[in-house]
C-alpha cells in the first residue's frame, strides 16, 4: 500500500468508529485525540480494526507514535507496504 492508500484506509476506519468525526480538516501534525475528540476506547478500536483488516500488530508501547496522522503514516507505512 502507498502512503496515500494507508491514509485513506485509516480515515475510513476513523469514520466508521466516529461517524460524527470530520477527517477532512485534520492537521497531519496535530494530535488526533484533540482534533477528533478521540477517547482511549476509540483509539483502541482503531488499533483493533487495523489488526483485523490488515493484520497489523501495534504493541501498546508504540501507541504514542500514532498520536498524529503523520505519526500513524510513518509507523504504518513500513508495516503495510506489501499489502
PDB file of N, CA and C in Angstrom:
ATOM      1  N   UNK A   1       0.847  -1.195   0.000  1.00  0.00           N
ATOM      2  CA  UNK A   1       0.000   0.000   0.000  1.00  0.00           C
ATOM      3  C   UNK A   1       0.881   1.244   0.000  1.00  0.00           C
ATOM      4  N   UNK A   2       0.415   2.240  -0.708  1.00  0.00           N
ATOM      5  CA  UNK A   2       1.119   3.515  -0.706  1.00  0.00           C
ATOM      6  C   UNK A   2       0.711   4.310   0.538  1.00  0.00           C
ATOM      7  N   UNK A   3       1.454   5.361   0.803  1.00  0.00           N
ATOM      8  CA  UNK A   3       1.143   6.231   1.946  1.00  0.00           C
ATOM      9  C   UNK A   3      -0.273   6.795   1.817  1.00  0.00           C
ATOM     10  N   UNK A   4      -0.648   7.198   0.600  1.00  0.00           N
ATOM     11  CA  UNK A   4      -1.994   7.750   0.371  1.00  0.00           C
ATOM     12  C   UNK A   4      -3.072   6.696   0.608  1.00  0.00           C
ATOM     13  N   UNK A   5      -2.810   5.454   0.182  1.00  0.00           N
ATOM     14  CA  UNK A   5      -3.778   4.375   0.414  1.00  0.00           C
ATOM     15  C   UNK A   5      -3.916   4.062   1.900  1.00  0.00           C
ATOM     16  N   UNK A   6      -2.799   4.111   2.618  1.00  0.00           N
ATOM     17  CA  UNK A   6      -2.837   3.878   4.064  1.00  0.00           C
ATOM     18  C   UNK A   6      -3.638   4.981   4.740  1.00  0.00           C
ATOM     19  N   UNK A   7      -3.412   6.229   4.328  1.00  0.00           N
ATOM     20  CA  UNK A   7      -4.153   7.343   4.915  1.00  0.00           C
ATOM     21  C   UNK A   7      -5.646   7.182   4.640  1.00  0.00           C
ATOM     22  N   UNK A   8      -5.995   6.816   3.443  1.00  0.00           N
ATOM     23  CA  UNK A   8      -7.398   6.621   3.094  1.00  0.00           C
ATOM     24  C   UNK A   8      -8.022   5.503   3.939  1.00  0.00           C
ATOM     25  N   UNK A   9      -7.297   4.402   4.098  1.00  0.00           N
ATOM     26  CA  UNK A   9      -7.791   3.287   4.913  1.00  0.00           C
ATOM     27  C   UNK A   9      -7.971   3.719   6.361  1.00  0.00           C
ATOM     28  N   UNK A  10      -7.024   4.477   6.871  1.00  0.00           N
ATOM     29  CA  UNK A  10      -7.098   4.950   8.254  1.00  0.00           C
ATOM     30  C   UNK A  10      -8.281   5.896   8.437  1.00  0.00           C
ATOM     31  N   UNK A  11      -8.506   6.773   7.487  1.00  0.00           N
ATOM     32  CA  UNK A  11      -9.646   7.695   7.556  1.00  0.00           C
ATOM     33  C   UNK A  11     -10.956   6.917   7.496  1.00  0.00           C
ATOM     34  N   UNK A  12     -11.019   5.879   6.659  1.00  0.00           N
ATOM     35  CA  UNK A  12     -12.228   5.043   6.602  1.00  0.00           C
ATOM     36  C   UNK A  12     -12.503   4.390   7.957  1.00  0.00           C
ATOM     37  N   UNK A  13     -11.454   3.881   8.585  1.00  0.00           N
ATOM     38  CA  UNK A  13     -11.614   3.257   9.904  1.00  0.00           C
ATOM     39  C   UNK A  13     -12.096   4.282  10.920  1.00  0.00           C
ATOM     40  N   UNK A  14     -11.480   5.445  10.918  1.00  0.00           N
ATOM     41  CA  UNK A  14     -11.880   6.506  11.865  1.00  0.00           C
ATOM     42  C   UNK A  14     -13.326   6.900  11.627  1.00  0.00           C
ATOM     43  N   UNK A  15     -13.717   7.064  10.365  1.00  0.00           N
ATOM     44  CA  UNK A  15     -15.099   7.461  10.057  1.00  0.00           C
ATOM     45  C   UNK A  15     -16.104   6.399  10.489  1.00  0.00           C
ATOM     46  N   UNK A  16     -15.724   5.126  10.422  1.00  0.00           N
ATOM     47  CA  UNK A  16     -16.614   4.063  10.875  1.00  0.00           C
ATOM     48  C   UNK A  16     -16.757   4.061  12.394  1.00  0.00           C
ATOM     49  N   UNK A  17     -15.682   4.386  13.077  1.00  0.00           N
ATOM     50  CA  UNK A  17     -15.708   4.400  14.544  1.00  0.00           C
ATOM     51  C   UNK A  17     -16.346   5.676  15.062  1.00  0.00           C
ATOM     52  N   UNK A  18     -16.068   6.775  14.395  1.00  0.00           N
ATOM     53  CA  UNK A  18     -16.589   8.084  14.796  1.00  0.00           C
ATOM     54  C   UNK A  18     -17.350   8.705  13.636  1.00  0.00           C
ATOM     55  N   UNK A  19     -18.575   8.271  13.391  1.00  0.00           N
ATOM     56  CA  UNK A  19     -19.306   8.818  12.241  1.00  0.00           C
ATOM     57  C   UNK A  19     -19.461  10.343  12.295  1.00  0.00           C
ATOM     58  N   UNK A  20     -19.439  10.897  13.502  1.00  0.00           N
ATOM     59  CA  UNK A  20     -19.580  12.348  13.624  1.00  0.00           C
ATOM     60  C   UNK A  20     -18.243  13.061  13.468  1.00  0.00           C
ATOM     61  N   UNK A  21     -17.150  12.294  13.447  1.00  0.00           N
ATOM     62  CA  UNK A  21     -15.829  12.898  13.284  1.00  0.00           C
ATOM     63  C   UNK A  21     -15.615  13.351  11.854  1.00  0.00           C
ATOM     64  N   UNK A  22     -14.982  14.493  11.701  1.00  0.00           N
ATOM     65  CA  UNK A  22     -14.717  15.033  10.366  1.00  0.00           C
ATOM     66  C   UNK A  22     -13.222  14.996  10.114  1.00  0.00           C
ATOM     67  N   UNK A  23     -12.795  14.107   9.253  1.00  0.00           N
ATOM     68  CA  UNK A  23     -11.373  13.942   8.964  1.00  0.00           C
ATOM     69  C   UNK A  23     -10.884  14.879   7.861  1.00  0.00           C
ATOM     70  N   UNK A  24     -11.779  15.625   7.244  1.00  0.00           N
ATOM     71  CA  UNK A  24     -11.389  16.438   6.089  1.00  0.00           C
ATOM     72  C   UNK A  24     -10.443  17.576   6.466  1.00  0.00           C
ATOM     73  N   UNK A  25     -10.559  18.095   7.660  1.00  0.00           N
ATOM     74  CA  UNK A  25      -9.719  19.226   8.042  1.00  0.00           C
ATOM     75  C   UNK A  25      -8.631  18.883   9.031  1.00  0.00           C
ATOM     76  N   UNK A  26      -8.240  17.623   9.063  1.00  0.00           N
ATOM     77  CA  UNK A  26      -7.229  17.198  10.034  1.00  0.00           C
ATOM     78  C   UNK A  26      -5.878  17.819   9.707  1.00  0.00           C
ATOM     79  N   UNK A  27      -5.246  18.373  10.733  1.00  0.00           N
ATOM     80  CA  UNK A  27      -3.864  18.826  10.619  1.00  0.00           C
ATOM     81  C   UNK A  27      -2.999  17.579  10.798  1.00  0.00           C
ATOM     82  N   UNK A  28      -2.240  17.173   9.771  1.00  0.00           N
ATOM     83  CA  UNK A  28      -1.487  15.925   9.861  1.00  0.00           C
ATOM     84  C   UNK A  28      -0.473  15.903  11.001  1.00  0.00           C
ATOM     85  N   UNK A  29      -0.059  17.088  11.461  1.00  0.00           N
ATOM     86  CA  UNK A  29       0.920  17.155  12.548  1.00  0.00           C
ATOM     87  C   UNK A  29       0.257  17.331  13.918  1.00  0.00           C
ATOM     88  N   UNK A  30      -1.055  17.562  13.927  1.00  0.00           N
ATOM     89  CA  UNK A  30      -1.771  17.770  15.196  1.00  0.00           C
ATOM     90  C   UNK A  30      -2.231  16.456  15.802  1.00  0.00           C
ATOM     91  N   UNK A  31      -2.399  16.453  17.089  1.00  0.00           N
ATOM     92  CA  UNK A  31      -2.839  15.237  17.782  1.00  0.00           C
ATOM     93  C   UNK A  31      -4.261  14.866  17.360  1.00  0.00           C
ATOM     94  N   UNK A  32      -4.410  13.623  16.928  1.00  0.00           N
ATOM     95  CA  UNK A  32      -5.724  13.132  16.501  1.00  0.00           C
ATOM     96  C   UNK A  32      -6.721  13.168  17.648  1.00  0.00           C
ATOM     97  N   UNK A  33      -6.259  12.850  18.836  1.00  0.00           N
ATOM     98  CA  UNK A  33      -7.134  12.813  20.006  1.00  0.00           C
ATOM     99  C   UNK A  33      -7.838  14.152  20.208  1.00  0.00           C
ATOM    100  N   UNK A  34      -7.081  15.229  20.064  1.00  0.00           N
ATOM    101  CA  UNK A  34      -7.645  16.567  20.265  1.00  0.00           C
ATOM    102  C   UNK A  34      -8.528  16.987  19.097  1.00  0.00           C
ATOM    103  N   UNK A  35      -8.108  16.669  17.881  1.00  0.00           N
ATOM    104  CA  UNK A  35      -8.836  17.114  16.702  1.00  0.00           C
ATOM    105  C   UNK A  35     -10.161  16.377  16.515  1.00  0.00           C
ATOM    106  N   UNK A  36     -10.186  15.102  16.890  1.00  0.00           N
ATOM    107  CA  UNK A  36     -11.378  14.281  16.652  1.00  0.00           C
ATOM    108  C   UNK A  36     -12.105  13.914  17.937  1.00  0.00           C
ATOM    109  N   UNK A  37     -11.605  14.424  19.053  1.00  0.00           N
ATOM    110  CA  UNK A  37     -12.181  14.105  20.362  1.00  0.00           C
ATOM    111  C   UNK A  37     -12.214  12.592  20.591  1.00  0.00           C
ATOM    112  N   UNK A  38     -11.103  11.950  20.265  1.00  0.00           N
ATOM    113  CA  UNK A  38     -10.961  10.513  20.482  1.00  0.00           C
ATOM    114  C   UNK A  38     -10.753  10.236  21.963  1.00  0.00           C
ATOM    115  N   UNK A  39     -11.441   9.231  22.481  1.00  0.00           N
ATOM    116  CA  UNK A  39     -11.116   8.793  23.830  1.00  0.00           C
ATOM    117  C   UNK A  39     -10.285   7.516  23.704  1.00  0.00           C
ATOM    118  N   UNK A  40      -9.866   6.967  24.819  1.00  0.00           N
ATOM    119  CA  UNK A  40      -8.991   5.785  24.806  1.00  0.00           C
ATOM    120  C   UNK A  40      -9.631   4.602  24.101  1.00  0.00           C
ATOM    121  N   UNK A  41     -10.909   4.408  24.315  1.00  0.00           N
ATOM    122  CA  UNK A  41     -11.599   3.281  23.675  1.00  0.00           C
ATOM    123  C   UNK A  41     -11.674   3.460  22.158  1.00  0.00           C
ATOM    124  N   UNK A  42     -11.911   4.692  21.708  1.00  0.00           N
ATOM    125  CA  UNK A  42     -11.936   4.957  20.263  1.00  0.00           C
ATOM    126  C   UNK A  42     -10.577   4.617  19.646  1.00  0.00           C
ATOM    127  N   UNK A  43      -9.509   5.039  20.326  1.00  0.00           N
ATOM    128  CA  UNK A  43      -8.171   4.768  19.818  1.00  0.00           C
ATOM    129  C   UNK A  43      -7.926   3.255  19.756  1.00  0.00           C
ATOM    130  N   UNK A  44      -8.318   2.545  20.797  1.00  0.00           N
ATOM    131  CA  UNK A  44      -8.156   1.087  20.807  1.00  0.00           C
ATOM    132  C   UNK A  44      -8.975   0.434  19.696  1.00  0.00           C
ATOM    133  N   UNK A  45     -10.159   0.970  19.428  1.00  0.00           N
ATOM    134  CA  UNK A  45     -10.975   0.451  18.330  1.00  0.00           C
ATOM    135  C   UNK A  45     -10.252   0.615  16.990  1.00  0.00           C
ATOM    136  N   UNK A  46      -9.577   1.738  16.811  1.00  0.00           N
ATOM    137  CA  UNK A  46      -8.810   1.977  15.583  1.00  0.00           C
ATOM    138  C   UNK A  46      -7.689   0.948  15.464  1.00  0.00           C
ATOM    139  N   UNK A  47      -6.964   0.745  16.550  1.00  0.00           N
ATOM    140  CA  UNK A  47      -5.870  -0.231  16.566  1.00  0.00           C
ATOM    141  C   UNK A  47      -6.402  -1.640  16.258  1.00  0.00           C
ATOM    142  N   UNK A  48      -7.539  -1.987  16.859  1.00  0.00           N
ATOM    143  CA  UNK A  48      -8.122  -3.316  16.644  1.00  0.00           C
ATOM    144  C   UNK A  48      -8.584  -3.500  15.189  1.00  0.00           C
ATOM    145  N   UNK A  49      -9.141  -2.459  14.601  1.00  0.00           N
ATOM    146  CA  UNK A  49      -9.569  -2.536  13.197  1.00  0.00           C
ATOM    147  C   UNK A  49      -8.368  -2.696  12.266  1.00  0.00           C
ATOM    148  N   UNK A  50      -7.281  -2.010  12.573  1.00  0.00           N
ATOM    149  CA  UNK A  50      -6.070  -2.173  11.761  1.00  0.00           C
ATOM    150  C   UNK A  50      -5.583  -3.618  11.834  1.00  0.00           C
ATOM    151  N   UNK A  51      -5.669  -4.194  13.021  1.00  0.00           N
ATOM    152  CA  UNK A  51      -5.242  -5.591  13.169  1.00  0.00           C
ATOM    153  C   UNK A  51      -6.204  -6.522  12.425  1.00  0.00           C
ATOM    154  N   UNK A  52      -7.492  -6.263  12.569  1.00  0.00           N
ATOM    155  CA  UNK A  52      -8.497  -7.127  11.949  1.00  0.00           C
ATOM    156  C   UNK A  52      -8.453  -7.049  10.418  1.00  0.00           C
ATOM    157  N   UNK A  53      -8.406  -5.843   9.901  1.00  0.00           N
ATOM    158  CA  UNK A  53      -8.482  -5.672   8.449  1.00  0.00           C
ATOM    159  C   UNK A  53      -7.154  -5.895   7.727  1.00  0.00           C
ATOM    160  N   UNK A  54      -6.046  -5.523   8.389  1.00  0.00           N
ATOM    161  CA  UNK A  54      -4.758  -5.530   7.692  1.00  0.00           C
ATOM    162  C   UNK A  54      -3.692  -6.385   8.377  1.00  0.00           C
ATOM    163  N   UNK A  55      -4.067  -7.059   9.468  1.00  0.00           N
ATOM    164  CA  UNK A  55      -3.132  -7.937  10.197  1.00  0.00           C
ATOM    165  C   UNK A  55      -1.905  -7.187  10.716  1.00  0.00           C
ATOM    166  N   UNK A  56      -2.094  -5.912  11.063  1.00  0.00           N
ATOM    167  CA  UNK A  56      -1.007  -5.092  11.590  1.00  0.00           C
ATOM    168  C   UNK A  56      -1.071  -5.134  13.115  1.00  0.00           C
ATOM    169  N   UNK A  57       0.005  -5.617  13.714  1.00  0.00           N
ATOM    170  CA  UNK A  57       0.102  -5.660  15.169  1.00  0.00           C
ATOM    171  C   UNK A  57       0.760  -4.366  15.652  1.00  0.00           C
ATOM    172  N   UNK A  58       0.114  -3.698  16.600  1.00  0.00           N
ATOM    173  CA  UNK A  58       0.659  -2.465  17.155  1.00  0.00           C
ATOM    174  C   UNK A  58       0.778  -2.654  18.662  1.00  0.00           C
ATOM    175  N   UNK A  59       2.001  -2.854  19.159  1.00  0.00           N
ATOM    176  CA  UNK A  59       2.183  -3.017  20.601  1.00  0.00           C
ATOM    177  C   UNK A  59       1.813  -1.734  21.345  1.00  0.00           C
ATOM    178  N   UNK A  60       1.329  -1.902  22.551  1.00  0.00           N
ATOM    179  CA  UNK A  60       0.913  -0.750  23.352  1.00  0.00           C
ATOM    180  C   UNK A  60       2.041   0.258  23.517  1.00  0.00           C
ATOM    181  N   UNK A  61       3.270  -0.209  23.592  1.00  0.00           N
ATOM    182  CA  UNK A  61       4.420   0.692  23.744  1.00  0.00           C
ATOM    183  C   UNK A  61       4.575   1.630  22.545  1.00  0.00           C
ATOM    184  N   UNK A  62       4.009   1.250  21.400  1.00  0.00           N
ATOM    185  CA  UNK A  62       4.117   2.068  20.184  1.00  0.00           C
ATOM    186  C   UNK A  62       2.966   3.049  20.004  1.00  0.00           C
ATOM    187  N   UNK A  63       1.962   2.990  20.855  1.00  0.00           N
ATOM    188  CA  UNK A  63       0.802   3.877  20.716  1.00  0.00           C
ATOM    189  C   UNK A  63       1.187   5.353  20.628  1.00  0.00           C
ATOM    190  N   UNK A  64       2.150   5.841  21.423  1.00  0.00           N
ATOM    191  CA  UNK A  64       2.492   7.270  21.322  1.00  0.00           C
ATOM    192  C   UNK A  64       2.962   7.693  19.931  1.00  0.00           C
ATOM    193  N   UNK A  65       3.520   6.760  19.173  1.00  0.00           N
ATOM    194  CA  UNK A  65       3.974   7.090  17.816  1.00  0.00           C
ATOM    195  C   UNK A  65       2.801   7.365  16.889  1.00  0.00           C
ATOM    196  N   UNK A  66       1.604   6.979  17.310  1.00  0.00           N
ATOM    197  CA  UNK A  66       0.420   7.115  16.466  1.00  0.00           C
ATOM    198  C   UNK A  66      -0.490   8.254  16.933  1.00  0.00           C
ATOM    199  N   UNK A  67       0.098   9.238  17.571  1.00  0.00           N
ATOM    200  CA  UNK A  67      -0.688  10.345  18.108  1.00  0.00           C
ATOM    201  C   UNK A  67      -1.193  11.297  17.025  1.00  0.00           C
ATOM    202  N   UNK A  68      -0.468  11.389  15.918  1.00  0.00           N
ATOM    203  CA  UNK A  68      -0.844  12.297  14.829  1.00  0.00           C
ATOM    204  C   UNK A  68      -1.053  11.479  13.550  1.00  0.00           C
ATOM    205  N   UNK A  69      -1.663  12.083  12.564  1.00  0.00           N
ATOM    206  CA  UNK A  69      -1.839  11.395  11.280  1.00  0.00           C
ATOM    207  C   UNK A  69      -0.472  11.098  10.667  1.00  0.00           C
ATOM    208  N   UNK A  70       0.433  12.079  10.699  1.00  0.00           N
ATOM    209  CA  UNK A  70       1.778  11.841  10.170  1.00  0.00           C
ATOM    210  C   UNK A  70       2.462  10.705  10.919  1.00  0.00           C
ATOM    211  N   UNK A  71       2.307  10.686  12.232  1.00  0.00           N
ATOM    212  CA  UNK A  71       2.899   9.620  13.041  1.00  0.00           C
ATOM    213  C   UNK A  71       2.326   8.266  12.670  1.00  0.00           C
ATOM    214  N   UNK A  72       1.013   8.203  12.479  1.00  0.00           N
ATOM    215  CA  UNK A  72       0.369   6.952  12.065  1.00  0.00           C
ATOM    216  C   UNK A  72       0.928   6.476  10.734  1.00  0.00           C
ATOM    217  N   UNK A  73       1.027   7.379   9.793  1.00  0.00           N
ATOM    218  CA  UNK A  73       1.501   7.015   8.463  1.00  0.00           C
ATOM    219  C   UNK A  73       2.964   6.586   8.492  1.00  0.00           C
ATOM    220  N   UNK A  74       3.786   7.316   9.259  1.00  0.00           N
ATOM    221  CA  UNK A  74       5.196   6.943   9.384  1.00  0.00           C
ATOM    222  C   UNK A  74       5.328   5.556  10.009  1.00  0.00           C
ATOM    223  N   UNK A  75       4.486   5.266  10.982  1.00  0.00           N
ATOM    224  CA  UNK A  75       4.530   3.979  11.674  1.00  0.00           C
ATOM    225  C   UNK A  75       4.001   2.851  10.792  1.00  0.00           C
ATOM    226  N   UNK A  76       2.877   3.103  10.134  1.00  0.00           N
ATOM    227  CA  UNK A  76       2.206   2.051   9.384  1.00  0.00           C
ATOM    228  C   UNK A  76       2.817   1.771   8.009  1.00  0.00           C
ATOM    229  N   UNK A  77       3.420   2.771   7.407  1.00  0.00           N
ATOM    230  CA  UNK A  77       3.913   2.612   6.027  1.00  0.00           C
ATOM    231  C   UNK A  77       4.847   1.402   5.863  1.00  0.00           C
ATOM    232  N   UNK A  78       5.863   1.215   6.711  1.00  0.00           N
ATOM    233  CA  UNK A  78       6.710   0.028   6.501  1.00  0.00           C
ATOM    234  C   UNK A  78       5.975  -1.289   6.811  1.00  0.00           C
ATOM    235  N   UNK A  79       5.007  -1.245   7.704  1.00  0.00           N
ATOM    236  CA  UNK A  79       4.260  -2.452   8.072  1.00  0.00           C
ATOM    237  C   UNK A  79       3.236  -2.865   7.010  1.00  0.00           C
ATOM    238  N   UNK A  80       2.768  -1.888   6.225  1.00  0.00           N
ATOM    239  CA  UNK A  80       1.688  -2.160   5.263  1.00  0.00           C
ATOM    240  C   UNK A  80       2.149  -2.056   3.812  1.00  0.00           C
ATOM    241  N   UNK A  81       3.440  -1.857   3.577  1.00  0.00           N
ATOM    242  CA  UNK A  81       3.919  -1.632   2.217  1.00  0.00           C
ATOM    243  C   UNK A  81       3.662  -2.812   1.278  1.00  0.00           C
ATOM    244  N   UNK A  82       3.617  -4.021   1.821  1.00  0.00           N
ATOM    245  CA  UNK A  82       3.453  -5.191   0.976  1.00  0.00           C
ATOM    246  C   UNK A  82       2.012  -5.669   0.861  1.00  0.00           C
ATOM    247  N   UNK A  83       1.069  -4.900   1.396  1.00  0.00           N
ATOM    248  CA  UNK A  83      -0.343  -5.288   1.343  1.00  0.00           C
ATOM    249  C   UNK A  83      -0.978  -4.881   0.038  1.00  0.00           C
TER     250      UNK A  83
END
